[in-house]
N, C-alpha and C. Protein backbone atom coordinates (compact mmCIF):
# COMPACT_ATOMS: atom_id res chain seq x y z
N MET A 1 46.75 104.06 -56.62
CA MET A 1 47.65 105.11 -56.18
C MET A 1 46.87 106.10 -55.32
N GLU A 2 47.45 106.45 -54.19
CA GLU A 2 46.80 107.39 -53.30
C GLU A 2 47.09 108.82 -53.75
N ASN A 3 46.11 109.67 -53.55
CA ASN A 3 46.28 111.07 -53.90
C ASN A 3 46.78 111.84 -52.69
N ILE A 4 47.53 112.85 -52.97
CA ILE A 4 47.97 113.78 -51.94
C ILE A 4 46.87 114.82 -51.84
N SER A 5 46.48 115.14 -50.64
CA SER A 5 45.39 116.10 -50.49
C SER A 5 45.88 117.34 -49.76
N ALA A 6 45.28 118.45 -50.12
CA ALA A 6 45.61 119.71 -49.46
C ALA A 6 44.36 120.25 -48.79
N GLN A 7 44.54 120.88 -47.66
CA GLN A 7 43.42 121.46 -46.96
C GLN A 7 43.94 122.59 -46.09
N ALA A 8 43.14 123.60 -45.93
CA ALA A 8 43.57 124.72 -45.10
C ALA A 8 43.32 124.41 -43.64
N GLN A 9 44.21 124.85 -42.81
CA GLN A 9 44.04 124.73 -41.36
C GLN A 9 43.47 126.07 -40.90
N PRO A 10 42.20 126.13 -40.52
CA PRO A 10 41.61 127.41 -40.16
C PRO A 10 42.32 128.12 -39.02
N GLU A 11 42.84 127.37 -38.05
CA GLU A 11 43.46 128.03 -36.91
C GLU A 11 44.79 128.69 -37.27
N GLU A 12 45.45 128.24 -38.31
CA GLU A 12 46.73 128.82 -38.68
C GLU A 12 46.66 129.55 -40.01
N GLY A 13 45.70 129.24 -40.83
CA GLY A 13 45.52 129.91 -42.10
C GLY A 13 46.47 129.48 -43.19
N GLU A 14 47.37 128.58 -42.92
CA GLU A 14 48.32 128.11 -43.92
C GLU A 14 47.86 126.76 -44.46
N PRO A 15 48.07 126.52 -45.75
CA PRO A 15 47.66 125.24 -46.32
C PRO A 15 48.52 124.09 -45.78
N VAL A 16 47.89 122.93 -45.69
CA VAL A 16 48.59 121.72 -45.27
C VAL A 16 48.44 120.70 -46.38
N ILE A 17 49.54 120.11 -46.78
CA ILE A 17 49.50 119.02 -47.75
C ILE A 17 49.67 117.73 -46.97
N PHE A 18 48.65 116.87 -47.06
CA PHE A 18 48.68 115.58 -46.37
C PHE A 18 49.31 114.56 -47.29
N LEU A 19 50.44 114.00 -46.86
CA LEU A 19 51.15 113.02 -47.66
C LEU A 19 50.45 111.67 -47.58
N PRO A 20 50.47 110.91 -48.67
CA PRO A 20 49.81 109.60 -48.68
C PRO A 20 50.62 108.56 -47.90
N SER A 21 50.02 107.42 -47.66
CA SER A 21 50.71 106.38 -46.91
C SER A 21 51.91 105.82 -47.67
N LYS A 22 51.83 105.75 -48.97
CA LYS A 22 52.94 105.24 -49.80
C LYS A 22 53.54 106.39 -50.60
N LEU A 23 54.69 106.84 -50.20
CA LEU A 23 55.38 107.90 -50.94
C LEU A 23 56.32 107.27 -51.96
N THR A 24 55.74 106.86 -53.08
CA THR A 24 56.46 106.20 -54.17
C THR A 24 56.80 107.24 -55.24
N SER A 25 57.34 106.78 -56.37
CA SER A 25 57.67 107.70 -57.45
C SER A 25 56.41 108.36 -58.03
N ASP A 26 55.30 107.62 -58.10
CA ASP A 26 54.04 108.23 -58.56
C ASP A 26 53.59 109.33 -57.61
N ALA A 27 53.66 109.05 -56.33
CA ALA A 27 53.28 110.05 -55.33
C ALA A 27 54.23 111.25 -55.38
N ALA A 28 55.49 111.01 -55.70
CA ALA A 28 56.46 112.10 -55.81
C ALA A 28 56.06 113.08 -56.90
N ARG A 29 55.60 112.57 -58.03
CA ARG A 29 55.14 113.46 -59.11
C ARG A 29 53.96 114.30 -58.65
N ASN A 30 53.01 113.65 -57.97
CA ASN A 30 51.84 114.38 -57.47
C ASN A 30 52.24 115.41 -56.42
N LEU A 31 53.18 115.06 -55.56
CA LEU A 31 53.64 115.98 -54.53
C LEU A 31 54.27 117.21 -55.15
N HIS A 32 55.10 117.02 -56.16
CA HIS A 32 55.73 118.15 -56.84
C HIS A 32 54.67 119.09 -57.41
N ALA A 33 53.65 118.54 -58.05
CA ALA A 33 52.58 119.36 -58.62
C ALA A 33 51.82 120.11 -57.53
N GLN A 34 51.52 119.43 -56.42
CA GLN A 34 50.80 120.05 -55.30
C GLN A 34 51.58 121.22 -54.72
N VAL A 35 52.85 121.01 -54.52
CA VAL A 35 53.70 122.05 -53.93
C VAL A 35 53.83 123.23 -54.89
N SER A 36 53.96 122.94 -56.16
CA SER A 36 54.06 124.01 -57.16
C SER A 36 52.82 124.88 -57.17
N ALA A 37 51.66 124.28 -56.91
CA ALA A 37 50.40 125.02 -56.93
C ALA A 37 50.13 125.76 -55.62
N ALA A 38 50.79 125.38 -54.56
CA ALA A 38 50.56 125.99 -53.25
C ALA A 38 51.16 127.39 -53.21
N THR A 39 50.48 128.27 -52.51
CA THR A 39 50.98 129.64 -52.35
C THR A 39 51.14 129.93 -50.87
N GLY A 40 51.81 130.99 -50.58
CA GLY A 40 51.99 131.40 -49.20
C GLY A 40 53.41 131.20 -48.74
N PRO A 41 53.78 131.89 -47.68
CA PRO A 41 55.15 131.84 -47.18
C PRO A 41 55.49 130.57 -46.39
N VAL A 42 54.46 129.84 -45.94
CA VAL A 42 54.69 128.63 -45.16
C VAL A 42 53.97 127.47 -45.83
N LEU A 43 54.69 126.39 -46.02
CA LEU A 43 54.09 125.17 -46.57
C LEU A 43 54.23 124.09 -45.52
N GLN A 44 53.11 123.56 -45.10
CA GLN A 44 53.10 122.52 -44.09
C GLN A 44 52.82 121.17 -44.75
N LEU A 45 53.66 120.21 -44.47
CA LEU A 45 53.50 118.85 -44.99
C LEU A 45 53.21 117.93 -43.82
N ASP A 46 52.07 117.26 -43.87
CA ASP A 46 51.69 116.34 -42.79
C ASP A 46 52.09 114.93 -43.20
N ALA A 47 53.00 114.33 -42.45
CA ALA A 47 53.51 112.99 -42.77
C ALA A 47 53.01 111.93 -41.79
N SER A 48 51.89 112.20 -41.15
CA SER A 48 51.40 111.30 -40.11
C SER A 48 50.93 109.94 -40.63
N LYS A 49 50.53 109.88 -41.89
CA LYS A 49 50.00 108.62 -42.43
C LYS A 49 51.01 107.86 -43.30
N VAL A 50 52.21 108.37 -43.43
CA VAL A 50 53.22 107.74 -44.29
C VAL A 50 53.68 106.43 -43.66
N ASP A 51 53.58 105.35 -44.44
CA ASP A 51 54.13 104.08 -43.96
C ASP A 51 55.22 103.55 -44.89
N PHE A 52 55.50 104.30 -45.98
CA PHE A 52 56.63 103.96 -46.86
C PHE A 52 57.14 105.23 -47.51
N LEU A 53 58.45 105.46 -47.43
CA LEU A 53 59.09 106.60 -48.09
C LEU A 53 60.11 106.06 -49.07
N GLY A 54 59.87 106.30 -50.36
CA GLY A 54 60.79 105.86 -51.40
C GLY A 54 61.81 106.93 -51.74
N ALA A 55 62.85 106.52 -52.44
CA ALA A 55 63.95 107.42 -52.79
C ALA A 55 63.49 108.58 -53.67
N ALA A 56 62.61 108.31 -54.64
CA ALA A 56 62.15 109.39 -55.53
C ALA A 56 61.39 110.45 -54.75
N ALA A 57 60.56 110.03 -53.82
CA ALA A 57 59.81 110.99 -53.01
C ALA A 57 60.74 111.79 -52.11
N LEU A 58 61.76 111.13 -51.56
CA LEU A 58 62.73 111.85 -50.75
C LEU A 58 63.45 112.90 -51.58
N GLN A 59 63.82 112.56 -52.81
CA GLN A 59 64.48 113.53 -53.69
C GLN A 59 63.59 114.75 -53.92
N VAL A 60 62.29 114.52 -54.12
CA VAL A 60 61.36 115.63 -54.31
C VAL A 60 61.28 116.47 -53.05
N LEU A 61 61.19 115.84 -51.89
CA LEU A 61 61.13 116.59 -50.63
C LEU A 61 62.39 117.44 -50.43
N ILE A 62 63.54 116.89 -50.74
CA ILE A 62 64.80 117.65 -50.62
C ILE A 62 64.81 118.80 -51.61
N SER A 63 64.34 118.56 -52.81
CA SER A 63 64.26 119.61 -53.83
C SER A 63 63.32 120.73 -53.41
N ILE A 64 62.20 120.36 -52.80
CA ILE A 64 61.24 121.35 -52.31
C ILE A 64 61.92 122.24 -51.28
N LYS A 65 62.66 121.64 -50.37
CA LYS A 65 63.35 122.43 -49.34
C LYS A 65 64.36 123.37 -49.97
N LYS A 66 65.16 122.86 -50.91
CA LYS A 66 66.19 123.69 -51.54
C LYS A 66 65.57 124.87 -52.29
N SER A 67 64.51 124.63 -53.04
CA SER A 67 63.89 125.73 -53.79
C SER A 67 63.14 126.68 -52.86
N SER A 68 62.69 126.19 -51.71
CA SER A 68 61.99 127.07 -50.77
C SER A 68 62.92 128.15 -50.23
N THR A 69 64.19 127.84 -50.09
CA THR A 69 65.16 128.83 -49.62
C THR A 69 65.25 129.98 -50.60
N GLN A 70 65.25 129.66 -51.89
CA GLN A 70 65.30 130.70 -52.92
C GLN A 70 64.00 131.50 -52.98
N ASP A 71 62.89 130.85 -52.64
CA ASP A 71 61.57 131.49 -52.69
C ASP A 71 61.19 132.16 -51.38
N TYR A 72 62.10 132.17 -50.40
CA TYR A 72 61.83 132.72 -49.07
C TYR A 72 60.57 132.10 -48.47
N ARG A 73 60.51 130.79 -48.53
CA ARG A 73 59.36 130.04 -48.06
C ARG A 73 59.81 129.08 -46.96
N THR A 74 58.97 128.87 -45.99
CA THR A 74 59.29 127.95 -44.90
C THR A 74 58.56 126.63 -45.13
N ILE A 75 59.30 125.54 -45.02
CA ILE A 75 58.72 124.20 -45.13
C ILE A 75 58.71 123.60 -43.74
N VAL A 76 57.52 123.18 -43.29
CA VAL A 76 57.36 122.57 -41.98
C VAL A 76 56.79 121.16 -42.18
N LEU A 77 57.48 120.18 -41.65
CA LEU A 77 57.00 118.80 -41.70
C LEU A 77 56.30 118.52 -40.38
N GLN A 78 55.00 118.23 -40.47
CA GLN A 78 54.21 117.99 -39.27
C GLN A 78 54.00 116.50 -39.04
N HIS A 79 53.98 116.12 -37.80
CA HIS A 79 53.58 114.78 -37.38
C HIS A 79 54.22 113.65 -38.17
N PRO A 80 55.53 113.63 -38.32
CA PRO A 80 56.14 112.54 -39.09
C PRO A 80 55.90 111.19 -38.41
N SER A 81 55.41 110.24 -39.18
CA SER A 81 55.17 108.90 -38.64
C SER A 81 56.51 108.22 -38.38
N GLU A 82 56.46 107.18 -37.58
CA GLU A 82 57.67 106.41 -37.30
C GLU A 82 58.23 105.83 -38.59
N ALA A 83 57.34 105.37 -39.49
CA ALA A 83 57.78 104.82 -40.78
C ALA A 83 58.45 105.88 -41.64
N PHE A 84 57.94 107.12 -41.60
CA PHE A 84 58.56 108.21 -42.35
C PHE A 84 59.98 108.46 -41.82
N LEU A 85 60.12 108.55 -40.51
CA LEU A 85 61.42 108.79 -39.90
C LEU A 85 62.38 107.64 -40.18
N THR A 86 61.88 106.42 -40.14
CA THR A 86 62.70 105.25 -40.47
C THR A 86 63.13 105.29 -41.93
N GLY A 87 62.20 105.68 -42.81
CA GLY A 87 62.53 105.80 -44.23
C GLY A 87 63.61 106.84 -44.48
N LEU A 88 63.51 107.97 -43.80
CA LEU A 88 64.55 109.00 -43.91
C LEU A 88 65.90 108.41 -43.53
N SER A 89 65.94 107.76 -42.39
CA SER A 89 67.19 107.18 -41.90
C SER A 89 67.73 106.12 -42.85
N ARG A 90 66.83 105.27 -43.35
CA ARG A 90 67.22 104.20 -44.28
C ARG A 90 67.85 104.78 -45.54
N LEU A 91 67.37 105.93 -45.96
CA LEU A 91 67.86 106.57 -47.18
C LEU A 91 68.99 107.57 -46.91
N GLY A 92 69.46 107.62 -45.67
CA GLY A 92 70.60 108.47 -45.33
C GLY A 92 70.26 109.93 -45.14
N ALA A 93 69.03 110.23 -44.75
CA ALA A 93 68.59 111.61 -44.58
C ALA A 93 68.06 111.81 -43.17
N ASN A 94 67.73 113.07 -42.87
CA ASN A 94 67.11 113.39 -41.58
C ASN A 94 66.10 114.52 -41.80
N LEU A 95 65.39 114.89 -40.74
CA LEU A 95 64.35 115.92 -40.88
C LEU A 95 64.90 117.24 -41.40
N GLY A 96 66.11 117.59 -41.03
CA GLY A 96 66.70 118.83 -41.50
C GLY A 96 66.91 118.87 -43.01
N ASP A 97 66.93 117.71 -43.63
CA ASP A 97 67.09 117.64 -45.09
C ASP A 97 65.80 117.98 -45.83
N VAL A 98 64.65 117.90 -45.13
CA VAL A 98 63.36 118.10 -45.82
C VAL A 98 62.54 119.26 -45.27
N GLN A 99 63.04 119.93 -44.26
CA GLN A 99 62.34 121.12 -43.76
C GLN A 99 63.35 122.19 -43.40
N ASN A 100 62.91 123.44 -43.47
CA ASN A 100 63.81 124.54 -43.13
C ASN A 100 63.24 125.38 -42.02
N SER A 101 62.40 124.78 -41.22
CA SER A 101 61.78 125.48 -40.11
C SER A 101 62.60 125.29 -38.84
N GLU A 102 62.62 126.31 -38.03
CA GLU A 102 63.23 126.21 -36.71
C GLU A 102 62.32 125.40 -35.78
N GLN A 103 61.02 125.39 -36.12
CA GLN A 103 60.03 124.71 -35.30
C GLN A 103 60.24 123.20 -35.42
N LEU A 104 60.21 122.52 -34.30
CA LEU A 104 60.29 121.08 -34.31
C LEU A 104 58.94 120.48 -34.66
N PRO A 105 58.90 119.42 -35.47
CA PRO A 105 57.61 118.83 -35.81
C PRO A 105 57.00 118.14 -34.60
N CYS A 106 55.70 118.09 -34.59
CA CYS A 106 54.98 117.39 -33.51
C CYS A 106 55.09 115.89 -33.77
N LEU A 107 55.53 115.16 -32.78
CA LEU A 107 55.66 113.71 -32.91
C LEU A 107 54.52 113.01 -32.24
């Protein structure tokens, strides 16, 4: 199982959570814990390495977005891979379902 890693982006000062290549139910549990531990008004999720998005992980991503609205937090999805975007579509979702930023992600 791949771990989700977090690292600060010095140029922006906001933490970035790098999503693993396989976003399965195990990864979903780890993602929830990572997000719960993150602080700050902006949470950046880097999806550049995702090659599989499962339903459980999508549910967690949607939940993160919904709770971020209550917490006055911005969720930004960075660099979504083609597989991530395909997974969203396959599961009946889109980028607006997992982020609440006005900023468009870098493709």
